[in-house]
Amino acid sequence: MSKSQITNTGQVTEIFKALSNPNRLRIFLTLVSAWHMNSGCISDQELAYYVGDLCECVEVSPSTVSHHLRELSHAGLIKMERCGQRICCSVNSETVAALSEFLTCLQRK
């Protein structure tokens, strides 16, 4: 998804579909809160959660969290990266910026 703008209704549909599940929304908001708290950091890894840490934060089983992370990643909302034997998850800032711009445009109409 481009940083500049969401132009495809399919993209918007995928994003809202991904966020429509309460567990996925909680996982995403957990990642967003880390992103906001550490937005001055240089490294993306400092803005990331390991999958196991997310399981503890949202109190959901690892298999369920993994399923929801795949859906969030497919929608472009998060990035997942292998860090040794663990998986790091972080907010895809380009998608969040594009979504924010899309919603701002709706407000202006």
N, C-alpha and C. Protein backbone atom coordinates (compact mmCIF):
# COMPACT_ATOMS: atom_id res chain seq x y z
N MET A 1 0.85 -1.17 0.00
CA MET A 1 0.00 0.00 0.00
C MET A 1 0.89 1.23 0.00
N SER A 2 0.55 2.18 -0.83
CA SER A 2 1.41 3.36 -0.93
C SER A 2 1.19 4.29 0.24
N LYS A 3 2.24 5.03 0.55
CA LYS A 3 2.18 5.97 1.66
C LYS A 3 1.26 7.13 1.34
N SER A 4 1.17 7.49 0.07
CA SER A 4 0.48 8.71 -0.29
C SER A 4 -1.03 8.64 -0.12
N GLN A 5 -1.65 7.55 -0.55
CA GLN A 5 -3.09 7.57 -0.52
C GLN A 5 -3.67 6.18 -0.71
N ILE A 6 -4.79 5.92 -0.08
CA ILE A 6 -5.55 4.70 -0.34
C ILE A 6 -6.56 5.06 -1.42
N THR A 7 -6.44 4.44 -2.57
CA THR A 7 -7.32 4.78 -3.68
C THR A 7 -8.25 3.64 -4.05
N ASN A 8 -7.94 2.45 -3.62
CA ASN A 8 -8.69 1.27 -4.00
C ASN A 8 -9.66 0.91 -2.88
N THR A 9 -10.94 0.75 -3.21
CA THR A 9 -11.91 0.39 -2.17
C THR A 9 -11.61 -1.00 -1.61
N GLY A 10 -10.97 -1.85 -2.40
CA GLY A 10 -10.58 -3.17 -1.90
C GLY A 10 -9.59 -3.06 -0.76
N GLN A 11 -8.67 -2.10 -0.84
CA GLN A 11 -7.70 -1.89 0.24
C GLN A 11 -8.41 -1.48 1.52
N VAL A 12 -9.34 -0.57 1.39
CA VAL A 12 -10.09 -0.09 2.55
C VAL A 12 -10.90 -1.23 3.16
N THR A 13 -11.52 -2.02 2.30
CA THR A 13 -12.31 -3.16 2.76
C THR A 13 -11.45 -4.13 3.55
N GLU A 14 -10.26 -4.45 3.04
CA GLU A 14 -9.35 -5.37 3.74
C GLU A 14 -8.93 -4.83 5.10
N ILE A 15 -8.66 -3.54 5.16
CA ILE A 15 -8.24 -2.94 6.43
C ILE A 15 -9.37 -3.01 7.46
N PHE A 16 -10.57 -2.58 7.06
CA PHE A 16 -11.68 -2.59 8.01
C PHE A 16 -12.10 -4.01 8.37
N LYS A 17 -12.00 -4.93 7.42
CA LYS A 17 -12.30 -6.33 7.71
C LYS A 17 -11.33 -6.86 8.76
N ALA A 18 -10.06 -6.54 8.59
CA ALA A 18 -9.05 -7.00 9.56
C ALA A 18 -9.31 -6.42 10.95
N LEU A 19 -9.73 -5.18 11.01
CA LEU A 19 -9.95 -4.53 12.30
C LEU A 19 -11.33 -4.82 12.90
N SER A 20 -12.18 -5.54 12.17
CA SER A 20 -13.54 -5.80 12.65
C SER A 20 -13.59 -6.87 13.74
N ASN A 21 -12.55 -7.66 13.88
CA ASN A 21 -12.51 -8.68 14.92
C ASN A 21 -11.96 -8.05 16.21
N PRO A 22 -12.66 -8.23 17.33
CA PRO A 22 -12.21 -7.60 18.58
C PRO A 22 -10.79 -7.99 19.00
N ASN A 23 -10.41 -9.25 18.83
CA ASN A 23 -9.05 -9.66 19.19
C ASN A 23 -8.01 -9.02 18.29
N ARG A 24 -8.29 -8.97 16.98
CA ARG A 24 -7.35 -8.32 16.06
C ARG A 24 -7.23 -6.84 16.38
N LEU A 25 -8.34 -6.21 16.69
CA LEU A 25 -8.30 -4.79 17.03
C LEU A 25 -7.46 -4.57 18.29
N ARG A 26 -7.63 -5.42 19.30
CA ARG A 26 -6.82 -5.30 20.52
C ARG A 26 -5.34 -5.49 20.23
N ILE A 27 -5.01 -6.47 19.40
CA ILE A 27 -3.61 -6.70 19.04
C ILE A 27 -3.06 -5.48 18.31
N PHE A 28 -3.81 -4.97 17.35
CA PHE A 28 -3.36 -3.81 16.58
C PHE A 28 -3.19 -2.59 17.48
N LEU A 29 -4.14 -2.35 18.37
CA LEU A 29 -4.04 -1.20 19.27
C LEU A 29 -2.86 -1.33 20.23
N THR A 30 -2.54 -2.55 20.63
CA THR A 30 -1.36 -2.78 21.47
C THR A 30 -0.10 -2.38 20.71
N LEU A 31 -0.01 -2.78 19.44
CA LEU A 31 1.14 -2.41 18.62
C LEU A 31 1.18 -0.91 18.36
N VAL A 32 0.02 -0.31 18.15
CA VAL A 32 -0.04 1.14 17.91
C VAL A 32 0.41 1.90 19.15
N SER A 33 0.02 1.43 20.33
CA SER A 33 0.43 2.14 21.56
C SER A 33 1.95 2.09 21.73
N ALA A 34 2.57 0.97 21.39
CA ALA A 34 4.04 0.89 21.46
C ALA A 34 4.66 1.82 20.43
N TRP A 35 4.05 1.90 19.27
CA TRP A 35 4.53 2.76 18.18
C TRP A 35 4.47 4.23 18.60
N HIS A 36 3.36 4.63 19.23
CA HIS A 36 3.22 6.03 19.68
C HIS A 36 4.18 6.35 20.83
N MET A 37 4.32 5.42 21.77
CA MET A 37 5.19 5.66 22.93
C MET A 37 6.65 5.79 22.52
N ASN A 38 7.05 5.09 21.47
CA ASN A 38 8.46 5.06 21.08
C ASN A 38 8.71 5.69 19.73
N SER A 39 7.85 6.58 19.30
CA SER A 39 7.97 7.11 17.94
C SER A 39 9.26 7.89 17.70
N GLY A 40 9.96 8.26 18.74
CA GLY A 40 11.23 8.96 18.56
C GLY A 40 12.41 8.02 18.35
N CYS A 41 12.16 6.71 18.48
CA CYS A 41 13.24 5.73 18.31
C CYS A 41 13.63 5.62 16.85
N ILE A 42 14.87 5.24 16.65
CA ILE A 42 15.38 5.08 15.29
C ILE A 42 15.08 3.69 14.75
N SER A 43 15.20 2.67 15.56
CA SER A 43 15.07 1.29 15.11
C SER A 43 13.62 0.81 15.15
N ASP A 44 13.19 0.13 14.06
CA ASP A 44 11.86 -0.47 14.04
C ASP A 44 11.72 -1.55 15.10
N GLN A 45 12.82 -2.23 15.44
CA GLN A 45 12.74 -3.28 16.44
C GLN A 45 12.36 -2.72 17.80
N GLU A 46 12.71 -1.48 18.08
CA GLU A 46 12.34 -0.88 19.35
C GLU A 46 10.84 -0.59 19.40
N LEU A 47 10.19 -0.59 18.25
CA LEU A 47 8.76 -0.34 18.18
C LEU A 47 7.98 -1.63 18.07
N ALA A 48 8.65 -2.77 18.15
CA ALA A 48 8.04 -4.06 17.89
C ALA A 48 7.74 -4.83 19.16
N TYR A 49 6.82 -5.78 19.02
CA TYR A 49 6.52 -6.76 20.05
C TYR A 49 6.87 -8.13 19.49
N TYR A 50 7.35 -9.00 20.34
CA TYR A 50 7.47 -10.40 19.96
C TYR A 50 6.09 -11.03 20.08
N VAL A 51 5.83 -12.07 19.30
CA VAL A 51 4.52 -12.72 19.31
C VAL A 51 4.17 -13.20 20.72
N GLY A 52 5.11 -13.80 21.42
CA GLY A 52 4.84 -14.27 22.79
C GLY A 52 4.44 -13.16 23.73
N ASP A 53 5.07 -12.00 23.58
CA ASP A 53 4.72 -10.85 24.42
C ASP A 53 3.31 -10.36 24.11
N LEU A 54 2.94 -10.39 22.83
CA LEU A 54 1.58 -9.98 22.45
C LEU A 54 0.55 -10.92 23.07
N CYS A 55 0.85 -12.21 23.08
CA CYS A 55 -0.07 -13.19 23.67
C CYS A 55 -0.36 -12.84 25.13
N GLU A 56 0.69 -12.48 25.86
CA GLU A 56 0.52 -12.10 27.26
C GLU A 56 -0.26 -10.80 27.40
N CYS A 57 0.02 -9.83 26.55
CA CYS A 57 -0.64 -8.52 26.64
C CYS A 57 -2.14 -8.61 26.38
N VAL A 58 -2.52 -9.37 25.37
CA VAL A 58 -3.94 -9.42 24.99
C VAL A 58 -4.65 -10.64 25.57
N GLU A 59 -3.89 -11.49 26.30
CA GLU A 59 -4.44 -12.68 26.96
C GLU A 59 -5.21 -13.57 26.00
N VAL A 60 -4.54 -13.91 24.89
CA VAL A 60 -5.09 -14.79 23.87
C VAL A 60 -4.04 -15.86 23.59
N SER A 61 -4.48 -17.06 23.22
CA SER A 61 -3.55 -18.17 22.98
C SER A 61 -2.62 -17.87 21.80
N PRO A 62 -1.43 -18.45 21.83
CA PRO A 62 -0.47 -18.20 20.74
C PRO A 62 -1.00 -18.55 19.35
N SER A 63 -1.74 -19.65 19.22
CA SER A 63 -2.26 -20.02 17.90
C SER A 63 -3.28 -18.99 17.41
N THR A 64 -4.09 -18.48 18.31
CA THR A 64 -5.08 -17.46 17.93
C THR A 64 -4.39 -16.16 17.56
N VAL A 65 -3.40 -15.76 18.34
CA VAL A 65 -2.65 -14.53 18.03
C VAL A 65 -1.97 -14.67 16.67
N SER A 66 -1.36 -15.81 16.40
CA SER A 66 -0.70 -16.02 15.11
C SER A 66 -1.67 -15.88 13.95
N HIS A 67 -2.86 -16.45 14.11
CA HIS A 67 -3.89 -16.32 13.07
C HIS A 67 -4.24 -14.85 12.84
N HIS A 68 -4.47 -14.12 13.91
CA HIS A 68 -4.86 -12.72 13.79
C HIS A 68 -3.72 -11.86 13.23
N LEU A 69 -2.49 -12.18 13.59
CA LEU A 69 -1.35 -11.44 13.05
C LEU A 69 -1.24 -11.63 11.54
N ARG A 70 -1.52 -12.84 11.06
CA ARG A 70 -1.50 -13.07 9.61
C ARG A 70 -2.54 -12.21 8.91
N GLU A 71 -3.72 -12.10 9.50
CA GLU A 71 -4.78 -11.28 8.91
C GLU A 71 -4.39 -9.80 8.90
N LEU A 72 -3.81 -9.33 9.99
CA LEU A 72 -3.38 -7.93 10.06
C LEU A 72 -2.25 -7.66 9.07
N SER A 73 -1.36 -8.62 8.92
CA SER A 73 -0.26 -8.49 7.97
C SER A 73 -0.79 -8.49 6.53
N HIS A 74 -1.73 -9.38 6.25
CA HIS A 74 -2.33 -9.46 4.91
C HIS A 74 -3.00 -8.13 4.53
N ALA A 75 -3.60 -7.47 5.51
CA ALA A 75 -4.25 -6.17 5.26
C ALA A 75 -3.24 -5.04 5.16
N GLY A 76 -1.98 -5.33 5.46
CA GLY A 76 -0.94 -4.31 5.38
C GLY A 76 -0.82 -3.44 6.61
N LEU A 77 -1.52 -3.79 7.68
CA LEU A 77 -1.51 -2.97 8.89
C LEU A 77 -0.27 -3.17 9.75
N ILE A 78 0.33 -4.35 9.67
CA ILE A 78 1.52 -4.62 10.46
C ILE A 78 2.60 -5.25 9.59
N LYS A 79 3.82 -5.21 10.13
CA LYS A 79 4.95 -5.90 9.51
C LYS A 79 5.41 -6.98 10.47
N MET A 80 5.76 -8.13 9.93
CA MET A 80 6.27 -9.23 10.74
C MET A 80 7.65 -9.59 10.21
N GLU A 81 8.60 -9.75 11.13
CA GLU A 81 9.97 -10.01 10.73
C GLU A 81 10.59 -11.01 11.70
N ARG A 82 11.32 -11.96 11.16
CA ARG A 82 12.00 -12.93 12.02
C ARG A 82 13.20 -12.25 12.68
N CYS A 83 13.28 -12.40 14.01
CA CYS A 83 14.39 -11.87 14.80
C CYS A 83 15.00 -13.06 15.53
N GLY A 84 15.95 -13.73 14.90
CA GLY A 84 16.49 -14.96 15.48
C GLY A 84 15.43 -16.04 15.40
N GLN A 85 15.08 -16.61 16.55
CA GLN A 85 14.06 -17.66 16.59
C GLN A 85 12.67 -17.09 16.87
N ARG A 86 12.57 -15.81 17.02
CA ARG A 86 11.29 -15.18 17.36
C ARG A 86 10.80 -14.33 16.20
N ILE A 87 9.52 -13.97 16.27
CA ILE A 87 8.91 -13.11 15.26
C ILE A 87 8.60 -11.76 15.90
N CYS A 88 9.09 -10.68 15.28
CA CYS A 88 8.82 -9.32 15.74
C CYS A 88 7.65 -8.77 14.92
N CYS A 89 6.75 -8.11 15.59
CA CYS A 89 5.59 -7.50 14.93
C CYS A 89 5.59 -6.00 15.22
N SER A 90 5.35 -5.21 14.19
CA SER A 90 5.29 -3.77 14.37
C SER A 90 4.26 -3.17 13.43
N VAL A 91 3.85 -1.96 13.73
CA VAL A 91 2.88 -1.24 12.91
C VAL A 91 3.52 -0.88 11.57
N ASN A 92 2.76 -1.03 10.50
CA ASN A 92 3.20 -0.55 9.19
C ASN A 92 2.82 0.92 9.12
N SER A 93 3.77 1.78 9.39
CA SER A 93 3.48 3.22 9.50
C SER A 93 2.96 3.82 8.19
N GLU A 94 3.37 3.27 7.06
CA GLU A 94 2.88 3.79 5.77
C GLU A 94 1.38 3.55 5.62
N THR A 95 0.93 2.35 5.98
CA THR A 95 -0.50 2.04 5.88
C THR A 95 -1.30 2.88 6.86
N VAL A 96 -0.80 3.03 8.08
CA VAL A 96 -1.51 3.84 9.07
C VAL A 96 -1.62 5.29 8.61
N ALA A 97 -0.55 5.82 8.04
CA ALA A 97 -0.59 7.20 7.52
C ALA A 97 -1.59 7.32 6.38
N ALA A 98 -1.60 6.33 5.48
CA ALA A 98 -2.54 6.36 4.36
C ALA A 98 -3.98 6.25 4.85
N LEU A 99 -4.22 5.39 5.84
CA LEU A 99 -5.56 5.25 6.40
C LEU A 99 -6.00 6.54 7.09
N SER A 100 -5.10 7.16 7.81
CA SER A 100 -5.39 8.43 8.47
C SER A 100 -5.75 9.50 7.45
N GLU A 101 -4.99 9.55 6.36
CA GLU A 101 -5.27 10.51 5.30
C GLU A 101 -6.63 10.23 4.65
N PHE A 102 -6.94 8.95 4.44
CA PHE A 102 -8.23 8.56 3.86
C PHE A 102 -9.38 9.03 4.75
N LEU A 103 -9.27 8.78 6.05
CA LEU A 103 -10.33 9.17 6.98
C LEU A 103 -10.45 10.69 7.10
N THR A 104 -9.33 11.39 7.04
CA THR A 104 -9.35 12.85 7.06
C THR A 104 -10.08 13.39 5.84
N CYS A 105 -9.85 12.77 4.69
CA CYS A 105 -10.54 13.20 3.46
C CYS A 105 -12.04 12.99 3.59
N LEU A 106 -12.46 11.92 4.25
CA LEU A 106 -13.89 11.69 4.45
C LEU A 106 -14.51 12.78 5.31
N GLN A 107 -13.76 13.22 6.30
CA GLN A 107 -14.25 14.25 7.21
C GLN A 107 -14.47 15.57 6.47
N ARG A 108 -13.62 15.84 5.49
CA ARG A 108 -13.72 17.09 4.74
C ARG A 108 -14.90 17.12 3.78
N LYS A 109 -15.39 15.95 3.40
CA LYS A 109 -16.47 15.88 2.40
C LYS A 109 -17.81 16.24 2.98
